[in-house]
Every structure is written in C-alpha cells, then in structure tokens.
Amino acid sequence: MYSIFMMDKALRELPAQFDYTPVIANADRLVKKEAFLACGMGGSIKQHQLLSIVHPELDLLLHASYGLPVAPEGDFERRLVLITSYSGNTEESLDAYQEAKKRGLSLAVVATGGALIAAAKEDGVPYIELPNVGIQPRSAIGYTLRAALALMGHEDILQETSELVQLLNSQKAETQGEALSVRLQNRVPVIYSSEMNSAVSVVAKIKFNEGAKIPSYNNVFPELNHNEMQGFYVQPKTEALSGQLYFLFLTDTEDHPRIQKRMAVTKALYEERGLTVEELALSGTNRWHKIFATLLVIDWAAFYLAKYYGFDPELVEMVEAFKKHIA
C-alpha cells in the first residue's frame, strides 16, 4: 500500500538513485549498437525522453505504444531495442518485446520483475533487474536512466549523471515546491518550455496529473505562438474559461535568444489579459542538474498539492481501474 510517507521518502532519496550501479544479466549476449529503439510507457519512457534532449546527438528512436513503430527497411536491424517496464507487466511493452523477438532483433530489457524479466530469462535476453523498493515508476527515473545508459554502453553519460548525487538538494527543492504548491492551489498548471526542453514540460505536467491528481497541460515555444496563444485572447464571454489556469514558463538561459524573447512577449500579453504567469528558471551547473533540480521542485509541488486536496500522491487509482476494465 502506497502512502504519503513513501512518496516523501522517495523524493528525499532521489539523489541517491544516481549512485545506482546497474548489473547486466546475460551480458555476454548484449549486442553493441550505435543506434537504439526505446520502448516503454508512462514513467518507463521518460528517462529516454530526457536523455534525447540532453544528448540529441544520440541515434535514439522512442516508441510508446503496442508493437514497433513503422521504420525504413533495415532500420531496426541496426538498433538495440530497449524494452522498459518498471513493473514488468505493462502490456504495450510486453507486446513490443514479443514483436521484436519475432523479428529476431537485438533486445535488452529493464524491469523490477514481472513477465518481462521472466521472458528475458527464458529467452536468454540481456536484462537489468531494477531494485524493487516499492515506489511508483515516475519516482524511479534515476534507476531507469542509469540502467538504460548501461545497456547502451554510454559510460561517459553514466558518469555525468553520477554527479547528481551531490548536486541535487532535495531539501531546497522541497522548500521551493511547497511554496509553489500554495500558489497553485485551486488552479490548473499549464507548463510552457522551449522545444529544447519539451521533455521537461511533459514530465512536469505528468507529475501534476499523477501526483496531485489534477488537470495539467503543456506546450512548447515557438509552436504555441502560432496557435494556442490565441485561445487566451480573453474576452468577457470567455474570461471564466481561462480564470483557473496558472502558467508556468520554464525559462533557460541556453534557449535560443529568439525563444527567450518570445517567452517574455507572451508573458506580457498574457498578463495584460489578466492571466497568471510565473517563470520557473532551469538553473544548475549542467544540463542534467538543471533538469532534475527543476523536476524535483515540481515533484514537491505535486506532493504538497496532493496533501492540500486530501489525496495520496502515490496512488493512481484511475489508471489501475482502467487496467482492470481492459484486462
């Protein structure tokens, strides 16, 4: 049974996850590749989304659905297919595993156990069995990121993430997150970022959805300047529609100068129309630090919002009920 205490503990111990040393079983069967196809759902694909924006030079294709994506002939053969499911029982991930196996592709698996690890053991597929410490997949991103990097053979990036053990300050993030949660009470967070930080805004949105159990949305610059912003024109007949929104602009000094200007102008136009906009700066010593420090603040904000609304931040009851209905 999950509890508020367990989520509190998970957030405090997040930095320690970046000290995790993955152990690859069936390592002699791991095929070294320079290109990758990562398959997973929910919290089990987010590590790859963040990796793709920190290291966009990687040949990393993402897939979050059943089976495998459509690709040019011969493309999959040059890739290592990484199947991740924290529980090991995610049906889309299991389906992707079976499809990759049927096609004879190079495979590797990450999970805490379940049917996915059982299949990998039976088939002799390389796998990493994650520590099963009783947390939600979204809270295990340090474990899943480091496992993925180990299977990909990127020791250099593993070392980069190791620095987060010392760089991340959960106590500082808690103070910031609790204060942010007060400003977000009875509001709907709408999170904007640059395209470069798109994965950060997506993950932040999901933390509010799953942790605080509230609606939350995200979009990116410059695309939103070509459509979404017009939806906040705000006139007397539409004022009530926008009144509960709280915009969080994830700013970054590494963003393109024109993106930074677009953010500033959009903020001014929104505020002229009575909309609430807050800037949340991505700050830190490197890209990984900036991203995870920001997400840890969001984690704590979602945690305290859950307490405010009387929810358990760990539970995902609608998701679990849905799974039973489609079983």
Protein backbone atom coordinates (compact mmCIF):
# COMPACT_ATOMS: atom_id res chain seq x y z
CA MET A 1 0.00 0.00 0.00
CA TYR A 2 1.47 3.33 -1.03
CA SER A 3 1.37 6.28 1.35
CA ILE A 4 2.26 9.93 1.65
CA PHE A 5 5.22 8.84 3.77
CA MET A 6 6.51 6.60 0.95
CA MET A 7 6.39 9.43 -1.59
CA ASP A 8 8.06 11.78 0.89
CA LYS A 9 10.84 9.20 1.34
CA ALA A 10 11.16 8.62 -2.42
CA LEU A 11 11.66 12.33 -3.11
CA ARG A 12 14.23 12.70 -0.34
CA GLU A 13 16.17 9.71 -1.65
CA LEU A 14 16.00 10.58 -5.36
CA PRO A 15 19.59 11.94 -5.49
CA ALA A 16 20.89 8.59 -4.23
CA GLN A 17 19.40 6.82 -7.26
CA PHE A 18 22.16 8.35 -9.38
CA ASP A 19 24.69 6.30 -7.43
CA TYR A 20 23.00 3.07 -8.56
CA THR A 21 25.28 0.63 -10.38
CA PRO A 22 23.23 -1.49 -12.82
CA VAL A 23 24.15 -5.15 -13.23
CA ILE A 24 23.52 -6.67 -16.67
CA ALA A 25 22.40 -10.30 -16.67
CA ASN A 26 23.20 -12.33 -19.83
CA ALA A 27 25.76 -9.60 -20.56
CA ASP A 28 27.64 -11.90 -22.96
CA ARG A 29 24.59 -11.76 -25.25
CA LEU A 30 24.34 -7.97 -25.29
CA VAL A 31 24.91 -6.76 -28.84
CA LYS A 32 26.77 -3.46 -29.04
CA LYS A 33 24.96 -0.96 -31.25
CA GLU A 34 25.31 2.75 -32.02
CA ALA A 35 21.57 3.21 -32.61
CA PHE A 36 18.68 2.45 -30.28
CA LEU A 37 14.91 1.96 -30.19
CA ALA A 38 13.47 2.59 -26.71
CA CYS A 39 10.01 1.16 -25.99
CA GLY A 40 8.03 1.93 -22.85
CA MET A 41 5.02 3.66 -21.39
CA GLY A 42 4.43 6.33 -18.73
CA GLY A 43 7.25 6.64 -16.24
CA SER A 44 9.19 3.94 -18.08
CA ILE A 45 9.84 6.06 -21.20
CA LYS A 46 10.54 9.42 -19.54
CA GLN A 47 14.22 8.66 -18.93
CA HIS A 48 14.70 8.23 -22.66
CA GLN A 49 12.81 11.45 -23.42
CA LEU A 50 15.11 13.38 -21.09
CA LEU A 51 18.19 11.63 -22.48
CA SER A 52 17.17 12.64 -26.00
CA ILE A 53 17.10 16.36 -25.12
CA VAL A 54 20.34 16.33 -23.12
CA HIS A 55 22.14 14.33 -25.81
CA PRO A 56 20.27 14.97 -29.06
CA GLU A 57 23.25 13.61 -30.99
CA LEU A 58 22.28 10.07 -29.96
CA ASP A 59 20.54 7.94 -32.58
CA LEU A 60 17.62 7.21 -30.26
CA LEU A 61 14.13 6.43 -31.52
CA LEU A 62 11.27 6.38 -28.98
CA HIS A 63 8.11 4.29 -29.12
CA ALA A 64 5.23 4.41 -26.63
CA SER A 65 2.58 2.02 -27.91
CA TYR A 66 1.98 -1.60 -28.94
CA GLY A 67 4.30 -3.44 -31.30
CA LEU A 68 7.04 -1.49 -33.03
CA PRO A 69 6.89 1.77 -34.99
CA VAL A 70 6.99 2.00 -38.77
CA ALA A 71 10.55 2.48 -39.99
CA PRO A 72 12.51 2.25 -43.25
CA GLU A 73 13.52 -1.26 -44.28
CA GLY A 74 16.60 -2.41 -42.40
CA ASP A 75 16.43 0.34 -39.80
CA PHE A 76 15.58 -1.90 -36.83
CA GLU A 77 18.42 -4.29 -37.60
CA ARG A 78 20.97 -1.56 -36.81
CA ARG A 79 19.35 -0.76 -33.45
CA LEU A 80 19.37 -2.26 -29.98
CA VAL A 81 15.73 -2.49 -28.89
CA LEU A 82 15.42 -1.44 -25.24
CA ILE A 83 12.19 -2.56 -23.57
CA THR A 84 11.46 -0.90 -20.22
CA SER A 85 8.56 -1.60 -17.86
CA TYR A 86 9.05 -0.77 -14.21
CA SER A 87 6.52 -3.39 -13.10
CA GLY A 88 7.50 -5.79 -15.86
CA ASN A 89 3.83 -6.29 -16.70
CA THR A 90 2.97 -3.32 -18.95
CA GLU A 91 1.02 -4.85 -21.82
CA GLU A 92 2.27 -2.45 -24.51
CA SER A 93 5.88 -3.14 -23.53
CA LEU A 94 5.31 -6.89 -23.47
CA ASP A 95 3.76 -6.64 -26.92
CA ALA A 96 6.77 -4.68 -28.19
CA TYR A 97 9.06 -7.34 -26.71
CA GLN A 98 7.24 -10.15 -28.50
CA GLU A 99 7.28 -8.26 -31.80
CA ALA A 100 11.00 -7.55 -31.56
CA LYS A 101 11.65 -11.19 -30.62
CA LYS A 102 9.57 -12.41 -33.58
CA ARG A 103 11.62 -10.24 -35.93
CA GLY A 104 14.89 -11.52 -34.48
CA LEU A 105 16.07 -8.07 -33.38
CA SER A 106 18.74 -7.33 -30.80
CA LEU A 107 16.95 -6.93 -27.47
CA ALA A 108 17.60 -5.80 -23.91
CA VAL A 109 15.16 -5.41 -21.02
CA VAL A 110 14.80 -3.25 -17.90
CA ALA A 111 12.21 -4.01 -15.16
CA THR A 112 11.86 -4.81 -11.46
CA GLY A 113 10.47 -8.25 -12.29
CA GLY A 114 7.16 -9.44 -13.70
CA ALA A 115 6.51 -11.10 -17.04
CA LEU A 116 9.17 -9.06 -18.83
CA ILE A 117 12.05 -10.28 -16.68
CA ALA A 118 10.63 -13.82 -16.80
CA ALA A 119 10.59 -13.68 -20.62
CA ALA A 120 14.14 -12.29 -20.77
CA LYS A 121 15.39 -15.10 -18.53
CA GLU A 122 13.64 -17.74 -20.59
CA ASP A 123 14.85 -16.31 -23.90
CA GLY A 124 18.39 -15.55 -22.77
CA VAL A 125 17.92 -11.83 -23.44
CA PRO A 126 20.20 -9.33 -21.63
CA TYR A 127 18.35 -7.62 -18.81
CA ILE A 128 18.72 -5.40 -15.77
CA GLU A 129 16.51 -6.19 -12.81
CA LEU A 130 15.94 -2.90 -11.02
CA PRO A 131 15.76 -2.55 -7.23
CA ASN A 132 12.14 -3.07 -6.21
CA VAL A 133 11.85 -0.51 -3.44
CA GLY A 134 8.09 -0.06 -3.61
CA ILE A 135 7.93 3.29 -5.42
CA GLN A 136 5.97 4.40 -8.47
CA PRO A 137 7.68 4.29 -11.89
CA ARG A 138 7.72 8.09 -12.08
CA SER A 139 9.77 8.14 -8.86
CA ALA A 140 12.36 5.67 -10.18
CA ILE A 141 13.73 7.74 -13.04
CA GLY A 142 17.28 7.70 -11.68
CA TYR A 143 17.29 3.91 -11.68
CA THR A 144 15.76 3.58 -15.14
CA LEU A 145 18.01 6.23 -16.68
CA ARG A 146 21.20 4.62 -15.39
CA ALA A 147 20.02 1.16 -16.43
CA ALA A 148 19.35 2.39 -19.96
CA LEU A 149 22.77 4.04 -20.18
CA ALA A 150 24.48 0.84 -19.01
CA LEU A 151 22.77 -1.21 -21.72
CA MET A 152 23.58 1.44 -24.32
CA GLY A 153 27.24 1.32 -23.29
CA HIS A 154 27.46 5.04 -22.54
CA GLU A 155 29.81 5.06 -19.57
CA ASP A 156 30.56 8.73 -20.21
CA ILE A 157 26.93 9.76 -19.72
CA LEU A 158 26.63 7.43 -16.72
CA GLN A 159 29.44 9.43 -15.15
CA GLU A 160 27.61 12.68 -15.95
CA THR A 161 24.54 11.51 -14.08
CA SER A 162 26.63 10.30 -11.12
CA GLU A 163 27.33 13.94 -10.31
CA LEU A 164 23.65 14.43 -9.43
CA VAL A 165 24.17 12.55 -6.16
CA GLN A 166 25.99 15.63 -4.84
CA LEU A 167 24.36 18.31 -6.97
CA LEU A 168 20.69 17.67 -6.19
CA ASN A 169 19.35 19.23 -2.98
CA SER A 170 16.01 17.69 -2.06
CA GLN A 171 15.56 19.92 1.00
CA LYS A 172 15.97 23.08 -1.07
CA ALA A 173 13.62 21.69 -3.72
CA GLU A 174 11.04 20.87 -1.04
CA THR A 175 11.04 24.45 0.24
CA GLN A 176 10.57 25.81 -3.29
CA GLY A 177 7.99 23.17 -4.20
CA GLU A 178 5.88 23.71 -1.10
CA ALA A 179 5.77 27.46 -1.77
CA LEU A 180 4.83 26.83 -5.39
CA SER A 181 2.05 24.47 -4.32
CA VAL A 182 0.40 27.25 -2.31
CA ARG A 183 0.29 29.47 -5.40
CA LEU A 184 -1.14 26.59 -7.43
CA GLN A 185 -3.98 25.76 -5.06
CA ASN A 186 -7.31 25.59 -6.92
CA ARG A 187 -5.53 26.36 -10.20
CA VAL A 188 -4.73 24.32 -13.32
CA PRO A 189 -0.99 24.31 -14.15
CA VAL A 190 -0.13 24.96 -17.81
CA ILE A 191 3.57 24.42 -18.39
CA TYR A 192 5.42 26.07 -21.26
CA SER A 193 9.02 25.46 -22.30
CA SER A 194 11.24 25.70 -25.34
CA GLU A 195 11.23 22.82 -27.80
CA MET A 196 14.70 22.04 -26.46
CA ASN A 197 13.17 21.42 -23.02
CA SER A 198 9.98 19.79 -24.29
CA ALA A 199 10.56 16.59 -22.31
CA VAL A 200 10.88 18.62 -19.10
CA SER A 201 7.48 20.26 -19.60
CA VAL A 202 5.91 16.88 -20.44
CA VAL A 203 7.32 15.20 -17.34
CA ALA A 204 6.32 18.17 -15.17
CA LYS A 205 2.74 18.01 -16.47
CA ILE A 206 2.55 14.29 -15.70
CA LYS A 207 3.80 14.83 -12.15
CA PHE A 208 0.82 17.11 -11.51
CA ASN A 209 -1.56 14.64 -13.17
CA GLU A 210 -0.36 11.57 -11.26
CA GLY A 211 0.90 13.10 -8.04
CA ALA A 212 -1.60 15.88 -7.33
CA LYS A 213 -4.46 14.25 -9.30
CA ILE A 214 -5.30 17.49 -11.09
CA PRO A 215 -5.58 18.54 -14.74
CA SER A 216 -2.35 19.93 -16.16
CA TYR A 217 -1.21 20.72 -19.68
CA ASN A 218 1.95 21.64 -21.53
CA ASN A 219 3.13 23.14 -24.79
CA VAL A 220 6.32 24.48 -26.35
CA PHE A 221 7.74 27.60 -27.94
CA PRO A 222 7.73 28.61 -30.71
CA GLU A 223 4.83 26.39 -31.84
CA LEU A 224 2.32 27.72 -29.30
CA ASN A 225 2.80 31.26 -30.67
CA HIS A 226 1.26 30.06 -33.94
CA ASN A 227 -1.97 28.72 -32.46
CA GLU A 228 -2.54 28.03 -28.74
CA MET A 229 -1.93 31.56 -27.51
CA GLN A 230 -4.90 32.83 -29.50
CA GLY A 231 -7.08 30.67 -27.26
CA PHE A 232 -6.21 33.05 -24.42
CA TYR A 233 -7.48 36.17 -26.16
CA VAL A 234 -9.77 36.52 -23.09
CA GLN A 235 -12.95 38.48 -23.62
CA PRO A 236 -15.92 38.85 -21.23
CA LYS A 237 -17.67 35.75 -22.60
CA THR A 238 -14.54 33.58 -22.33
CA GLU A 239 -12.89 35.03 -19.22
CA ALA A 240 -14.17 32.27 -16.93
CA LEU A 241 -12.63 29.60 -19.15
CA SER A 242 -9.11 30.87 -18.52
CA GLY A 243 -9.54 32.09 -14.96
CA GLN A 244 -8.33 28.92 -13.24
CA LEU A 245 -5.20 28.48 -15.35
CA TYR A 246 -1.76 29.10 -13.86
CA PHE A 247 1.02 29.33 -16.43
CA LEU A 248 4.50 28.10 -15.55
CA PHE A 249 7.14 29.22 -18.05
CA LEU A 250 10.26 27.06 -17.78
CA THR A 251 12.98 29.54 -18.72
CA ASP A 252 16.52 28.57 -19.68
CA THR A 253 19.49 30.80 -20.49
CA GLU A 254 20.58 28.15 -23.01
CA ASP A 255 17.41 28.67 -25.06
CA HIS A 256 17.73 30.40 -28.43
CA PRO A 257 17.66 34.20 -27.94
CA ARG A 258 14.51 34.46 -30.06
CA ILE A 259 12.80 31.83 -27.89
CA GLN A 260 13.69 33.86 -24.80
CA LYS A 261 12.17 36.95 -26.43
CA ARG A 262 9.04 35.00 -27.42
CA MET A 263 8.61 33.88 -23.81
CA ALA A 264 8.95 37.44 -22.49
CA VAL A 265 6.48 38.87 -25.01
CA THR A 266 3.97 36.04 -24.48
CA LYS A 267 4.18 36.54 -20.71
CA ALA A 268 3.45 40.26 -21.13
CA LEU A 269 0.50 39.64 -23.45
CA TYR A 270 -0.99 37.03 -21.11
CA GLU A 271 -0.63 39.27 -18.09
CA GLU A 272 -2.29 42.13 -19.97
CA ARG A 273 -5.30 39.83 -20.24
CA GLY A 274 -5.36 39.05 -16.55
CA LEU A 275 -3.71 35.63 -16.81
CA THR A 276 -1.30 34.45 -14.10
CA VAL A 277 2.20 33.66 -15.34
CA GLU A 278 5.18 32.56 -13.27
CA GLU A 279 8.68 31.95 -14.55
CA LEU A 280 10.50 28.90 -13.20
CA ALA A 281 14.15 29.10 -14.19
CA LEU A 282 16.09 25.97 -15.06
CA SER A 283 19.29 26.56 -13.13
CA GLY A 284 22.23 24.36 -12.28
CA THR A 285 25.83 23.51 -13.10
CA ASN A 286 24.98 21.42 -16.19
CA ARG A 287 22.01 20.21 -18.25
CA TRP A 288 21.27 17.18 -16.07
CA HIS A 289 21.38 19.29 -12.92
CA LYS A 290 19.11 21.96 -14.39
CA ILE A 291 16.53 19.41 -15.49
CA PHE A 292 16.39 17.25 -12.38
CA ALA A 293 16.56 20.18 -9.96
CA THR A 294 13.53 21.69 -11.70
CA LEU A 295 11.62 18.40 -11.79
CA LEU A 296 12.33 17.83 -8.11
CA VAL A 297 10.70 21.19 -7.32
CA ILE A 298 7.68 20.09 -9.38
CA ASP A 299 7.65 16.74 -7.55
CA TRP A 300 7.41 18.50 -4.21
CA ALA A 301 4.78 20.93 -5.50
CA ALA A 302 2.65 17.97 -6.64
CA PHE A 303 3.25 16.24 -3.30
CA TYR A 304 2.01 19.23 -1.29
CA LEU A 305 -0.92 19.82 -3.66
CA ALA A 306 -1.97 16.19 -3.08
CA LYS A 307 -1.92 16.83 0.66
CA TYR A 308 -3.93 20.04 0.18
CA TYR A 309 -6.61 18.19 -1.82
CA GLY A 310 -6.58 15.20 0.53
CA PHE A 311 -5.11 12.72 -1.96
CA ASP A 312 -2.41 10.10 -1.59
CA PRO A 313 0.33 11.26 -4.01
CA GLU A 314 1.44 7.67 -4.65
CA LEU A 315 -1.86 6.13 -5.71
CA VAL A 316 -3.01 6.09 -9.36
CA GLU A 317 -6.47 4.61 -8.79
CA MET A 318 -7.99 5.65 -12.12
CA VAL A 319 -5.09 4.11 -14.01
CA GLU A 320 -5.41 0.87 -12.05
CA ALA A 321 -9.20 0.78 -12.51
CA PHE A 322 -8.75 1.33 -16.23
CA LYS A 323 -6.32 -1.58 -16.49
CA LYS A 324 -8.88 -3.87 -14.84
CA HIS A 325 -11.58 -2.79 -17.27
CA ILE A 326 -9.46 -3.58 -20.35
CA ALA A 327 -7.92 -6.81 -19.00
